[in-house]
């Protein structure tokens, strides 16, 4: 059972998972494994080289949402948060979507009307759209953040122009779910098909959380970094 509560550095990791299993994914994407015994959040972060304030900020945001923003924003490490977001991308693109595709392929029988081919193509189209969106973030947004971390302020771009087309991705997923529910052959393996559909709903929730982390944690952190770099540049120019 998930219970909304706030977490801190002295909470035990096992208690954290027990109160909200959704935080397993936060642990995983920060590179913290299971088998932690009685370790606290602070101890686990120290042992696995994780920036503890960022881990706690994301953990509480995933658990509680925007109610934790004011308390945690200033302590976020941009490199740590980018690492978390990159690992989230990899989880969906390299693990979860292929897993769903394998279930759909096995569950849906071939038929003369080509429905299996159509359903799999629709899923591939959706996965391709998500991949394009995430690769764009990797190549443009994260690269821009890296330049800011190096003290550079590239001209012609700022984080306020960060447009992720989340609505487009969500519409494509809704379209696919409707096709699967309405037109999937009745002689499919229903247990496996239902498992795949539940995975799809879970991925929808997970991607929504990912987008909110980007919008409400990452973007403001980059805006603060932009301000810091710009102030340093002005100071250097005035000192000449």
Protein backbone atom coordinates (compact mmCIF):
# COMPACT_ATOMS: atom_id res chain seq x y z
CA UNK A 1 0.00 0.00 0.00
CA UNK A 2 1.33 3.46 -0.93
CA UNK A 3 1.20 6.13 1.75
CA UNK A 4 2.06 9.77 1.02
CA UNK A 5 4.74 11.02 3.40
CA UNK A 6 7.95 13.01 3.38
CA UNK A 7 11.33 11.30 3.37
CA UNK A 8 14.66 12.45 4.73
CA UNK A 9 18.28 11.31 4.94
CA UNK A 10 17.79 9.27 8.11
CA UNK A 11 14.88 7.18 6.88
CA UNK A 12 15.74 3.56 6.17
CA UNK A 13 15.65 2.59 2.52
CA UNK A 14 13.59 -0.51 3.26
CA UNK A 15 10.94 1.62 4.98
CA UNK A 16 10.87 3.97 2.02
CA UNK A 17 10.07 1.13 -0.39
CA UNK A 18 7.57 -0.40 1.98
CA UNK A 19 5.56 2.81 2.18
CA UNK A 20 5.66 3.60 -1.57
CA UNK A 21 6.75 0.96 -4.08
CA UNK A 22 6.86 3.59 -6.87
CA UNK A 23 10.12 4.77 -5.31
CA UNK A 24 11.80 1.56 -6.47
CA UNK A 25 12.19 3.23 -9.85
CA UNK A 26 13.75 6.32 -8.30
CA UNK A 27 16.31 4.12 -6.59
CA UNK A 28 17.00 2.20 -9.78
CA UNK A 29 17.48 5.31 -11.90
CA UNK A 30 19.93 6.76 -9.41
CA UNK A 31 21.90 3.50 -9.47
CA UNK A 32 20.98 2.32 -5.98
CA UNK A 33 20.29 -1.46 -5.90
CA UNK A 34 18.25 -3.62 -3.59
CA UNK A 35 19.85 -5.62 -0.78
CA UNK A 36 20.61 -2.55 1.34
CA UNK A 37 19.88 -4.13 4.70
CA UNK A 38 19.32 -1.46 7.37
CA UNK A 39 21.00 1.38 5.46
CA UNK A 40 19.48 4.84 5.67
CA UNK A 41 18.91 7.04 2.64
CA UNK A 42 22.05 9.02 3.47
CA UNK A 43 24.17 5.87 3.89
CA UNK A 44 22.94 4.33 0.64
CA UNK A 45 23.59 7.54 -1.29
CA UNK A 46 27.09 7.78 0.17
CA UNK A 47 27.87 4.13 -0.61
CA UNK A 48 26.73 4.41 -4.24
CA UNK A 49 28.00 7.89 -5.03
CA UNK A 50 24.57 9.52 -5.30
CA UNK A 51 23.96 13.19 -4.51
CA UNK A 52 21.69 12.78 -1.50
CA UNK A 53 19.75 16.09 -1.63
CA UNK A 54 18.86 15.47 -5.28
CA UNK A 55 17.78 11.91 -4.54
CA UNK A 56 15.58 13.12 -1.68
CA UNK A 57 14.12 15.94 -3.81
CA UNK A 58 13.15 13.55 -6.62
CA UNK A 59 11.96 10.92 -4.18
CA UNK A 60 9.64 13.35 -2.40
CA UNK A 61 8.46 14.90 -5.65
CA UNK A 62 7.51 11.49 -7.06
CA UNK A 63 5.78 10.66 -3.79
CA UNK A 64 4.03 13.97 -3.14
CA UNK A 65 4.21 16.08 -6.29
CA UNK A 66 4.50 19.86 -6.31
CA UNK A 67 3.89 20.19 -2.56
CA UNK A 68 7.61 19.50 -2.03
CA UNK A 69 9.00 21.92 -4.61
CA UNK A 70 9.82 24.92 -2.43
CA UNK A 71 11.69 22.89 0.16
CA UNK A 72 13.94 20.93 -2.19
CA UNK A 73 14.59 23.01 -5.29
CA UNK A 74 17.69 24.90 -4.21
CA UNK A 75 19.62 21.75 -3.24
CA UNK A 76 19.32 19.95 -6.56
CA UNK A 77 22.49 18.94 -8.39
CA UNK A 78 22.03 19.43 -12.14
CA UNK A 79 24.50 16.63 -13.09
CA UNK A 80 22.76 14.20 -10.71
CA UNK A 81 19.33 15.11 -12.07
CA UNK A 82 20.50 14.74 -15.68
CA UNK A 83 21.86 11.30 -14.81
CA UNK A 84 18.47 10.34 -13.37
CA UNK A 85 16.63 11.60 -16.48
CA UNK A 86 19.03 9.79 -18.82
CA UNK A 87 18.54 6.55 -16.93
CA UNK A 88 14.78 7.04 -17.20
CA UNK A 89 15.13 7.39 -20.97
CA UNK A 90 17.19 4.21 -21.13
CA UNK A 91 14.70 2.31 -18.97
CA UNK A 92 11.80 2.99 -21.32
CA UNK A 93 13.62 2.82 -24.65
CA UNK A 94 15.99 -0.08 -23.99
CA UNK A 95 14.05 -2.21 -21.50
CA UNK A 96 10.37 -1.48 -21.00
CA UNK A 97 9.18 -0.83 -24.54
CA UNK A 98 10.97 -3.94 -25.92
CA UNK A 99 9.40 -5.96 -23.09
CA UNK A 100 5.92 -4.74 -24.04
CA UNK A 101 6.61 -5.43 -27.72
CA UNK A 102 7.65 -9.01 -26.92
CA UNK A 103 4.43 -9.59 -24.93
CA UNK A 104 2.26 -8.20 -27.73
CA UNK A 105 4.08 -10.28 -30.33
CA UNK A 106 3.55 -13.46 -28.34
CA UNK A 107 -0.02 -12.71 -27.24
CA UNK A 108 -1.56 -11.76 -30.59
CA UNK A 109 -1.93 -14.53 -33.19
CA UNK A 110 -1.29 -13.95 -36.86
CA UNK A 111 -4.44 -13.54 -38.96
CA UNK A 112 -5.33 -13.05 -42.63
CA UNK A 113 -6.64 -9.55 -41.98
CA UNK A 114 -3.18 -8.38 -40.85
CA UNK A 115 -4.44 -7.06 -37.51
CA UNK A 116 -1.36 -8.27 -35.63
CA UNK A 117 0.90 -6.44 -38.07
CA UNK A 118 -1.17 -3.27 -37.70
CA UNK A 119 -1.15 -3.37 -33.90
CA UNK A 120 2.58 -3.95 -33.72
CA UNK A 121 3.20 -1.14 -36.22
CA UNK A 122 1.09 1.25 -34.14
CA UNK A 123 3.13 0.38 -31.07
CA UNK A 124 6.37 0.83 -33.00
CA UNK A 125 5.17 4.25 -34.19
CA UNK A 126 4.46 5.28 -30.61
CA UNK A 127 7.81 3.98 -29.32
CA UNK A 128 9.56 5.77 -32.20
CA UNK A 129 7.90 9.06 -31.30
CA UNK A 130 9.01 8.73 -27.68
CA UNK A 131 12.54 7.84 -28.81
CA UNK A 132 12.70 10.88 -31.07
CA UNK A 133 11.57 13.13 -28.24
CA UNK A 134 14.05 11.68 -25.75
CA UNK A 135 16.96 11.71 -28.19
CA UNK A 136 16.22 15.36 -28.92
CA UNK A 137 16.48 16.08 -25.20
CA UNK A 138 19.78 14.21 -25.01
CA UNK A 139 21.28 16.01 -28.02
CA UNK A 140 19.97 19.52 -27.38
CA UNK A 141 18.74 20.14 -23.84
CA UNK A 142 21.21 18.04 -21.88
CA UNK A 143 24.07 19.26 -24.07
CA UNK A 144 23.01 22.84 -23.36
CA UNK A 145 22.95 22.11 -19.63
CA UNK A 146 26.44 20.64 -19.94
CA UNK A 147 27.69 23.88 -21.51
CA UNK A 148 26.22 25.88 -18.63
CA UNK A 149 27.92 23.58 -16.14
CA UNK A 150 31.20 24.33 -17.92
CA UNK A 151 30.57 28.03 -17.41
CA UNK A 152 29.53 28.71 -20.98
CA UNK A 153 26.31 30.42 -22.01
CA UNK A 154 25.56 29.43 -25.63
CA UNK A 155 23.87 32.11 -27.70
CA UNK A 156 20.57 31.42 -29.43
CA UNK A 157 19.10 29.03 -26.90
CA UNK A 158 17.67 29.12 -23.40
CA UNK A 159 15.75 26.58 -21.38
CA UNK A 160 12.50 28.55 -21.68
CA UNK A 161 12.37 27.42 -25.33
CA UNK A 162 12.36 23.80 -24.19
CA UNK A 163 9.28 22.39 -25.92
CA UNK A 164 8.84 18.65 -25.40
CA UNK A 165 5.62 17.97 -27.30
CA UNK A 166 4.31 15.88 -24.40
CA UNK A 167 0.75 16.29 -25.60
CA UNK A 168 1.66 14.74 -28.95
CA UNK A 169 3.22 11.74 -27.25
CA UNK A 170 0.18 11.31 -25.00
CA UNK A 171 -2.24 11.49 -27.93
CA UNK A 172 -0.30 8.79 -29.79
CA UNK A 173 -0.46 6.48 -26.77
CA UNK A 174 -4.21 7.04 -26.36
CA UNK A 175 -4.67 6.18 -30.02
CA UNK A 176 -2.71 2.96 -29.61
CA UNK A 177 -4.57 1.88 -26.46
CA UNK A 178 -7.90 2.40 -28.22
CA UNK A 179 -6.79 0.27 -31.17
CA UNK A 180 -5.57 -2.50 -28.90
CA UNK A 181 -8.73 -2.57 -26.78
CA UNK A 182 -11.17 -2.34 -29.69
CA UNK A 183 -9.56 -4.45 -32.38
CA UNK A 184 -7.27 -7.01 -30.81
CA UNK A 185 -8.24 -10.53 -32.05
CA UNK A 186 -10.48 -12.36 -29.58
CA UNK A 187 -8.33 -15.51 -29.81
CA UNK A 188 -5.31 -13.71 -28.34
CA UNK A 189 -3.61 -14.97 -25.19
CA UNK A 190 -5.70 -12.85 -22.81
CA UNK A 191 -3.48 -13.26 -19.78
CA UNK A 192 -0.41 -12.11 -21.70
CA UNK A 193 -2.35 -9.41 -23.54
CA UNK A 194 -3.77 -8.00 -20.30
CA UNK A 195 -0.27 -8.03 -18.85
CA UNK A 196 0.98 -6.01 -21.84
CA UNK A 197 -1.92 -3.57 -21.54
CA UNK A 198 -1.27 -3.06 -17.83
CA UNK A 199 2.38 -2.39 -18.71
CA UNK A 200 1.22 0.22 -21.21
CA UNK A 201 -0.91 1.96 -18.58
CA UNK A 202 2.01 1.83 -16.17
CA UNK A 203 4.34 3.31 -18.80
CA UNK A 204 1.83 6.13 -19.34
CA UNK A 205 1.91 6.97 -15.63
CA UNK A 206 5.69 6.67 -15.52
CA UNK A 207 6.20 8.94 -18.52
CA UNK A 208 3.81 11.49 -17.05
CA UNK A 209 5.89 11.55 -13.87
CA UNK A 210 9.05 11.85 -15.96
CA UNK A 211 7.62 14.87 -17.80
CA UNK A 212 6.65 16.54 -14.53
CA UNK A 213 10.16 16.02 -13.14
CA UNK A 214 11.50 17.69 -16.28
CA UNK A 215 9.05 20.59 -16.14
CA UNK A 216 9.03 21.28 -12.41
CA UNK A 217 12.50 20.21 -11.21
CA UNK A 218 14.87 20.19 -14.18
CA UNK A 219 13.77 23.34 -16.02
CA UNK A 220 13.83 25.58 -12.90
CA UNK A 221 17.25 24.15 -11.96
CA UNK A 222 18.59 25.09 -15.40
CA UNK A 223 17.02 28.55 -15.16
CA UNK A 224 18.93 29.11 -11.91
CA UNK A 225 22.10 27.89 -13.59
CA UNK A 226 21.52 30.24 -16.54
CA UNK A 227 21.19 33.13 -14.12
CA UNK A 228 24.41 32.18 -12.29
CA UNK A 229 26.42 31.86 -15.51
CA UNK A 230 25.04 35.14 -16.87
CA UNK A 231 25.92 36.97 -13.65
CA UNK A 232 29.46 35.61 -13.73
CA UNK A 233 29.80 36.71 -17.34
CA UNK A 234 28.61 40.23 -16.53
CA UNK A 235 30.98 40.43 -13.57
CA UNK A 236 33.89 39.33 -15.74
CA UNK A 237 33.01 41.84 -18.47
CA UNK A 238 32.66 44.69 -15.97
CA UNK A 239 36.01 43.83 -14.48
CA UNK A 240 37.86 44.26 -17.76
